[in-house]
PDB file of N, CA and C in Angstrom:
ATOM      1  N   MET A   1     -11.843   8.576 -26.942  1.00  0.00           N
ATOM      2  CA  MET A   1     -12.408   7.556 -26.140  1.00  0.00           C
ATOM      3  C   MET A   1     -13.923   7.617 -26.092  1.00  0.00           C
ATOM      4  N   ILE A   2     -14.480   8.821 -25.998  1.00  0.00           N
ATOM      5  CA  ILE A   2     -15.966   9.049 -25.923  1.00  0.00           C
ATOM      6  C   ILE A   2     -16.639   8.390 -27.210  1.00  0.00           C
ATOM      7  N   GLU A   3     -16.110   8.570 -28.256  1.00  0.00           N
ATOM      8  CA  GLU A   3     -16.739   8.080 -29.615  1.00  0.00           C
ATOM      9  C   GLU A   3     -16.842   6.582 -29.614  1.00  0.00           C
ATOM     10  N   HIS A   4     -15.897   5.839 -28.760  1.00  0.00           N
ATOM     11  CA  HIS A   4     -15.884   4.461 -28.741  1.00  0.00           C
ATOM     12  C   HIS A   4     -16.534   3.900 -27.571  1.00  0.00           C
ATOM     13  N   SER A   5     -17.160   4.598 -26.760  1.00  0.00           N
ATOM     14  CA  SER A   5     -17.758   4.040 -25.497  1.00  0.00           C
ATOM     15  C   SER A   5     -19.015   3.345 -25.934  1.00  0.00           C
ATOM     16  N   LYS A   6     -19.238   2.143 -25.405  1.00  0.00           N
ATOM     17  CA  LYS A   6     -20.444   1.457 -25.668  1.00  0.00           C
ATOM     18  C   LYS A   6     -21.442   1.354 -24.551  1.00  0.00           C
ATOM     19  N   GLU A   7     -21.049   1.471 -23.248  1.00  0.00           N
ATOM     20  CA  GLU A   7     -21.936   1.363 -22.171  1.00  0.00           C
ATOM     21  C   GLU A   7     -22.006   2.557 -21.333  1.00  0.00           C
ATOM     22  N   GLU A   8     -20.749   2.976 -20.818  1.00  0.00           N
ATOM     23  CA  GLU A   8     -20.903   4.113 -19.792  1.00  0.00           C
ATOM     24  C   GLU A   8     -19.511   4.816 -19.834  1.00  0.00           C
ATOM     25  N   ILE A   9     -19.671   6.200 -19.676  1.00  0.00           N
ATOM     26  CA  ILE A   9     -18.628   7.247 -19.472  1.00  0.00           C
ATOM     27  C   ILE A   9     -18.693   7.764 -18.157  1.00  0.00           C
ATOM     28  N   LEU A  10     -17.538   7.555 -17.273  1.00  0.00           N
ATOM     29  CA  LEU A  10     -17.526   8.169 -16.016  1.00  0.00           C
ATOM     30  C   LEU A  10     -16.374   9.161 -16.022  1.00  0.00           C
ATOM     31  N   ILE A  11     -16.771  10.354 -15.603  1.00  0.00           N
ATOM     32  CA  ILE A  11     -15.670  11.400 -15.695  1.00  0.00           C
ATOM     33  C   ILE A  11     -15.544  11.956 -14.199  1.00  0.00           C
ATOM     34  N   ILE A  12     -14.365  11.773 -13.506  1.00  0.00           N
ATOM     35  CA  ILE A  12     -14.414  12.576 -12.229  1.00  0.00           C
ATOM     36  C   ILE A  12     -13.043  13.493 -12.335  1.00  0.00           C
ATOM     37  N   SER A  13     -13.547  14.791 -11.994  1.00  0.00           N
ATOM     38  CA  SER A  13     -12.488  15.893 -12.219  1.00  0.00           C
ATOM     39  C   SER A  13     -12.878  16.927 -11.221  1.00  0.00           C
ATOM     40  N   PRO A  14     -11.885  17.352 -10.348  1.00  0.00           N
ATOM     41  CA  PRO A  14     -12.054  18.371  -9.488  1.00  0.00           C
ATOM     42  C   PRO A  14     -12.235  19.937 -10.014  1.00  0.00           C
ATOM     43  N   TRP A  15     -11.654  19.958 -11.564  1.00  0.00           N
ATOM     44  CA  TRP A  15     -11.591  21.296 -11.919  1.00  0.00           C
ATOM     45  C   TRP A  15     -12.392  21.391 -13.246  1.00  0.00           C
ATOM     46  N   LEU A  16     -13.464  20.640 -13.297  1.00  0.00           N
ATOM     47  CA  LEU A  16     -14.323  20.617 -14.461  1.00  0.00           C
ATOM     48  C   LEU A  16     -15.227  21.927 -14.569  1.00  0.00           C
ATOM     49  N   ASN A  17     -15.228  22.538 -15.784  1.00  0.00           N
ATOM     50  CA  ASN A  17     -16.076  23.611 -15.874  1.00  0.00           C
ATOM     51  C   ASN A  17     -16.802  23.637 -17.172  1.00  0.00           C
ATOM     52  N   GLU A  18     -17.635  24.678 -17.406  1.00  0.00           N
ATOM     53  CA  GLU A  18     -18.520  24.683 -18.576  1.00  0.00           C
ATOM     54  C   GLU A  18     -17.815  24.707 -19.845  1.00  0.00           C
ATOM     55  N   TYR A  19     -16.705  25.292 -19.886  1.00  0.00           N
ATOM     56  CA  TYR A  19     -16.062  25.352 -21.143  1.00  0.00           C
ATOM     57  C   TYR A  19     -15.508  23.940 -21.602  1.00  0.00           C
ATOM     58  N   VAL A  20     -15.087  23.146 -20.719  1.00  0.00           N
ATOM     59  CA  VAL A  20     -14.763  21.773 -20.884  1.00  0.00           C
ATOM     60  C   VAL A  20     -15.745  20.962 -21.466  1.00  0.00           C
ATOM     61  N   ILE A  21     -16.986  21.084 -20.691  1.00  0.00           N
ATOM     62  CA  ILE A  21     -18.099  20.375 -21.126  1.00  0.00           C
ATOM     63  C   ILE A  21     -18.661  20.675 -22.527  1.00  0.00           C
ATOM     64  N   ASN A  22     -18.594  22.012 -22.801  1.00  0.00           N
ATOM     65  CA  ASN A  22     -19.009  22.463 -24.166  1.00  0.00           C
ATOM     66  C   ASN A  22     -18.083  21.997 -25.233  1.00  0.00           C
ATOM     67  N   THR A  23     -16.914  21.866 -24.930  1.00  0.00           N
ATOM     68  CA  THR A  23     -15.751  21.328 -25.921  1.00  0.00           C
ATOM     69  C   THR A  23     -16.133  19.937 -26.388  1.00  0.00           C
ATOM     70  N   TYR A  24     -16.715  19.225 -25.462  1.00  0.00           N
ATOM     71  CA  TYR A  24     -17.002  17.625 -25.622  1.00  0.00           C
ATOM     72  C   TYR A  24     -18.441  17.435 -25.991  1.00  0.00           C
ATOM     73  N   LYS A  25     -19.378  18.428 -25.869  1.00  0.00           N
ATOM     74  CA  LYS A  25     -20.721  18.367 -25.923  1.00  0.00           C
ATOM     75  C   LYS A  25     -21.190  17.493 -27.211  1.00  0.00           C
ATOM     76  N   VAL A  26     -20.716  17.758 -28.326  1.00  0.00           N
ATOM     77  CA  VAL A  26     -21.050  16.928 -29.396  1.00  0.00           C
ATOM     78  C   VAL A  26     -20.829  15.445 -29.318  1.00  0.00           C
ATOM     79  N   TYR A  27     -19.647  15.142 -28.717  1.00  0.00           N
ATOM     80  CA  TYR A  27     -19.284  13.669 -28.402  1.00  0.00           C
ATOM     81  C   TYR A  27     -20.213  13.192 -27.434  1.00  0.00           C
ATOM     82  N   PHE A  28     -20.646  13.941 -26.302  1.00  0.00           N
ATOM     83  CA  PHE A  28     -21.545  13.411 -25.328  1.00  0.00           C
ATOM     84  C   PHE A  28     -22.896  13.098 -25.990  1.00  0.00           C
ATOM     85  N   GLU A  29     -23.454  14.003 -26.705  1.00  0.00           N
ATOM     86  CA  GLU A  29     -24.746  13.806 -27.572  1.00  0.00           C
ATOM     87  C   GLU A  29     -24.704  12.623 -28.306  1.00  0.00           C
ATOM     88  N   LYS A  30     -23.613  12.384 -29.022  1.00  0.00           N
ATOM     89  CA  LYS A  30     -23.599  11.139 -29.907  1.00  0.00           C
ATOM     90  C   LYS A  30     -23.667   9.890 -28.990  1.00  0.00           C
ATOM     91  N   ALA A  31     -22.880   9.977 -27.904  1.00  0.00           N
ATOM     92  CA  ALA A  31     -22.855   8.784 -26.964  1.00  0.00           C
ATOM     93  C   ALA A  31     -24.299   8.487 -26.428  1.00  0.00           C
ATOM     94  N   LEU A  32     -24.970   9.583 -26.109  1.00  0.00           N
ATOM     95  CA  LEU A  32     -26.280   9.509 -25.515  1.00  0.00           C
ATOM     96  C   LEU A  32     -27.187   8.917 -26.524  1.00  0.00           C
ATOM     97  N   LYS A  33     -27.036   9.105 -27.804  1.00  0.00           N
ATOM     98  CA  LYS A  33     -27.905   8.495 -28.822  1.00  0.00           C
ATOM     99  C   LYS A  33     -27.596   7.064 -29.069  1.00  0.00           C
ATOM    100  N   ARG A  34     -26.340   6.615 -28.599  1.00  0.00           N
ATOM    101  CA  ARG A  34     -25.979   5.171 -28.684  1.00  0.00           C
ATOM    102  C   ARG A  34     -26.347   4.534 -27.333  1.00  0.00           C
ATOM    103  N   ASN A  35     -27.166   5.373 -26.421  1.00  0.00           N
ATOM    104  CA  ASN A  35     -27.589   4.868 -25.158  1.00  0.00           C
ATOM    105  C   ASN A  35     -26.424   4.547 -24.264  1.00  0.00           C
ATOM    106  N   VAL A  36     -25.428   5.317 -24.202  1.00  0.00           N
ATOM    107  CA  VAL A  36     -24.314   5.412 -23.394  1.00  0.00           C
ATOM    108  C   VAL A  36     -24.697   6.212 -22.176  1.00  0.00           C
ATOM    109  N   ARG A  37     -24.451   5.555 -20.996  1.00  0.00           N
ATOM    110  CA  ARG A  37     -24.742   6.321 -19.672  1.00  0.00           C
ATOM    111  C   ARG A  37     -23.463   7.149 -19.402  1.00  0.00           C
ATOM    112  N   ILE A  38     -23.848   8.470 -19.012  1.00  0.00           N
ATOM    113  CA  ILE A  38     -22.908   9.370 -18.821  1.00  0.00           C
ATOM    114  C   ILE A  38     -22.918   9.870 -17.444  1.00  0.00           C
ATOM    115  N   GLU A  39     -21.978   9.765 -16.554  1.00  0.00           N
ATOM    116  CA  GLU A  39     -21.960  10.333 -15.266  1.00  0.00           C
ATOM    117  C   GLU A  39     -20.574  11.102 -15.048  1.00  0.00           C
ATOM    118  N   ILE A  40     -20.898  12.439 -14.619  1.00  0.00           N
ATOM    119  CA  ILE A  40     -19.742  13.343 -14.409  1.00  0.00           C
ATOM    120  C   ILE A  40     -19.855  13.764 -12.962  1.00  0.00           C
ATOM    121  N   ILE A  41     -18.668  13.626 -12.326  1.00  0.00           N
ATOM    122  CA  ILE A  41     -18.484  14.017 -10.720  1.00  0.00           C
ATOM    123  C   ILE A  41     -17.417  15.031 -10.664  1.00  0.00           C
ATOM    124  N   TYR A  42     -17.836  16.173 -10.123  1.00  0.00           N
ATOM    125  CA  TYR A  42     -16.876  17.312 -10.092  1.00  0.00           C
ATOM    126  C   TYR A  42     -16.872  17.784  -8.691  1.00  0.00           C
ATOM    127  N   GLY A  43     -15.786  18.732  -8.462  1.00  0.00           N
ATOM    128  CA  GLY A  43     -15.523  19.338  -7.159  1.00  0.00           C
ATOM    129  C   GLY A  43     -14.453  18.756  -6.307  1.00  0.00           C
ATOM    130  N   ILE A  44     -13.989  19.409  -5.338  1.00  0.00           N
ATOM    131  CA  ILE A  44     -12.978  18.893  -4.362  1.00  0.00           C
ATOM    132  C   ILE A  44     -13.631  18.744  -3.110  1.00  0.00           C
ATOM    133  N   LYS A  45     -13.465  17.433  -2.589  1.00  0.00           N
ATOM    134  CA  LYS A  45     -13.936  17.201  -1.161  1.00  0.00           C
ATOM    135  C   LYS A  45     -12.862  17.744  -0.216  1.00  0.00           C
ATOM    136  N   GLY A  46     -13.357  18.710   0.716  1.00  0.00           N
ATOM    137  CA  GLY A  46     -12.519  19.400   1.641  1.00  0.00           C
ATOM    138  C   GLY A  46     -13.288  20.488   2.328  1.00  0.00           C
ATOM    139  N   TYR A  47     -12.290  21.219   2.876  1.00  0.00           N
ATOM    140  CA  TYR A  47     -12.854  22.370   3.759  1.00  0.00           C
ATOM    141  C   TYR A  47     -13.103  23.483   2.802  1.00  0.00           C
ATOM    142  N   ASP A  48     -14.401  24.159   3.225  1.00  0.00           N
ATOM    143  CA  ASP A  48     -14.816  25.353   2.374  1.00  0.00           C
ATOM    144  C   ASP A  48     -14.715  26.431   3.275  1.00  0.00           C
ATOM    145  N   SER A  49     -15.505  27.640   2.914  1.00  0.00           N
ATOM    146  CA  SER A  49     -15.524  28.904   3.718  1.00  0.00           C
ATOM    147  C   SER A  49     -16.296  28.576   5.115  1.00  0.00           C
ATOM    148  N   LYS A  50     -16.089  29.535   5.934  1.00  0.00           N
ATOM    149  CA  LYS A  50     -16.682  29.299   7.217  1.00  0.00           C
ATOM    150  C   LYS A  50     -18.331  29.385   7.038  1.00  0.00           C
ATOM    151  N   SER A  51     -18.886  28.696   7.902  1.00  0.00           N
ATOM    152  CA  SER A  51     -20.432  28.712   7.944  1.00  0.00           C
ATOM    153  C   SER A  51     -20.871  29.705   8.836  1.00  0.00           C
ATOM    154  N   ASN A  52     -22.255  29.836   8.948  1.00  0.00           N
ATOM    155  CA  ASN A  52     -22.709  30.869   9.804  1.00  0.00           C
ATOM    156  C   ASN A  52     -22.505  30.694  11.206  1.00  0.00           C
ATOM    157  N   ASP A  53     -22.022  29.638  11.756  1.00  0.00           N
ATOM    158  CA  ASP A  53     -21.735  29.414  13.149  1.00  0.00           C
ATOM    159  C   ASP A  53     -20.200  29.501  13.347  1.00  0.00           C
ATOM    160  N   GLY A  54     -19.479  29.964  12.400  1.00  0.00           N
ATOM    161  CA  GLY A  54     -17.959  30.068  12.402  1.00  0.00           C
ATOM    162  C   GLY A  54     -17.243  28.803  12.325  1.00  0.00           C
ATOM    163  N   GLU A  55     -17.866  27.673  12.115  1.00  0.00           N
ATOM    164  CA  GLU A  55     -17.204  26.483  11.774  1.00  0.00           C
ATOM    165  C   GLU A  55     -16.847  26.151  10.447  1.00  0.00           C
ATOM    166  N   LYS A  56     -15.881  25.484  10.147  1.00  0.00           N
ATOM    167  CA  LYS A  56     -15.595  25.177   8.660  1.00  0.00           C
ATOM    168  C   LYS A  56     -16.605  24.139   8.153  1.00  0.00           C
ATOM    169  N   GLU A  57     -17.086  24.407   6.988  1.00  0.00           N
ATOM    170  CA  GLU A  57     -17.996  23.431   6.394  1.00  0.00           C
ATOM    171  C   GLU A  57     -17.247  22.328   5.417  1.00  0.00           C
ATOM    172  N   VAL A  58     -17.649  21.368   5.365  1.00  0.00           N
ATOM    173  CA  VAL A  58     -17.049  20.324   4.508  1.00  0.00           C
ATOM    174  C   VAL A  58     -17.934  20.047   3.258  1.00  0.00           C
ATOM    175  N   LYS A  59     -17.322  20.308   2.115  1.00  0.00           N
ATOM    176  CA  LYS A  59     -18.126  20.139   0.735  1.00  0.00           C
ATOM    177  C   LYS A  59     -17.666  18.912   0.264  1.00  0.00           C
ATOM    178  N   GLY A  60     -18.657  18.113  -0.498  1.00  0.00           N
ATOM    179  CA  GLY A  60     -18.307  16.878  -1.181  1.00  0.00           C
ATOM    180  C   GLY A  60     -18.322  17.053  -2.682  1.00  0.00           C
ATOM    181  N   HIS A  61     -18.144  16.027  -3.466  1.00  0.00           N
ATOM    182  CA  HIS A  61     -18.283  16.087  -4.851  1.00  0.00           C
ATOM    183  C   HIS A  61     -19.737  16.252  -5.217  1.00  0.00           C
ATOM    184  N   GLN A  62     -19.828  16.779  -6.368  1.00  0.00           N
ATOM    185  CA  GLN A  62     -21.234  17.000  -6.915  1.00  0.00           C
ATOM    186  C   GLN A  62     -21.388  16.209  -8.251  1.00  0.00           C
ATOM    187  N   LYS A  63     -22.608  15.783  -8.497  1.00  0.00           N
ATOM    188  CA  LYS A  63     -22.772  15.185  -9.836  1.00  0.00           C
ATOM    189  C   LYS A  63     -23.357  16.109 -10.812  1.00  0.00           C
ATOM    190  N   LEU A  64     -22.969  16.108 -11.986  1.00  0.00           N
ATOM    191  CA  LEU A  64     -23.235  16.973 -12.960  1.00  0.00           C
ATOM    192  C   LEU A  64     -24.238  16.381 -13.882  1.00  0.00           C
ATOM    193  N   GLN A  65     -25.544  17.098 -14.089  1.00  0.00           N
ATOM    194  CA  GLN A  65     -26.525  16.524 -15.005  1.00  0.00           C
ATOM    195  C   GLN A  65     -26.818  17.505 -16.138  1.00  0.00           C
ATOM    196  N   ILE A  66     -26.198  17.278 -17.223  1.00  0.00           N
ATOM    197  CA  ILE A  66     -26.291  18.194 -18.357  1.00  0.00           C
ATOM    198  C   ILE A  66     -27.370  17.883 -19.225  1.00  0.00           C
ATOM    199  N   PHE A  67     -27.546  16.695 -19.600  1.00  0.00           N
ATOM    200  CA  PHE A  67     -28.385  16.212 -20.772  1.00  0.00           C
ATOM    201  C   PHE A  67     -29.673  15.634 -20.200  1.00  0.00           C
TER     202      PHE A  67
END
């Protein structure tokens, strides 16, 4: 699907990692040369480890900027 994208690629994944990105890097680079906008959102929204004041912190999704 990446090689057929014409305008935008939107990937939302809680378990995205560098290995996955590198697997598709060539396709992303080709898409960027075609002026395709790529947005990758990763992470899990929810509770994380305790903060300094002992309360649970809420972490949100993060945007990944690779290129």
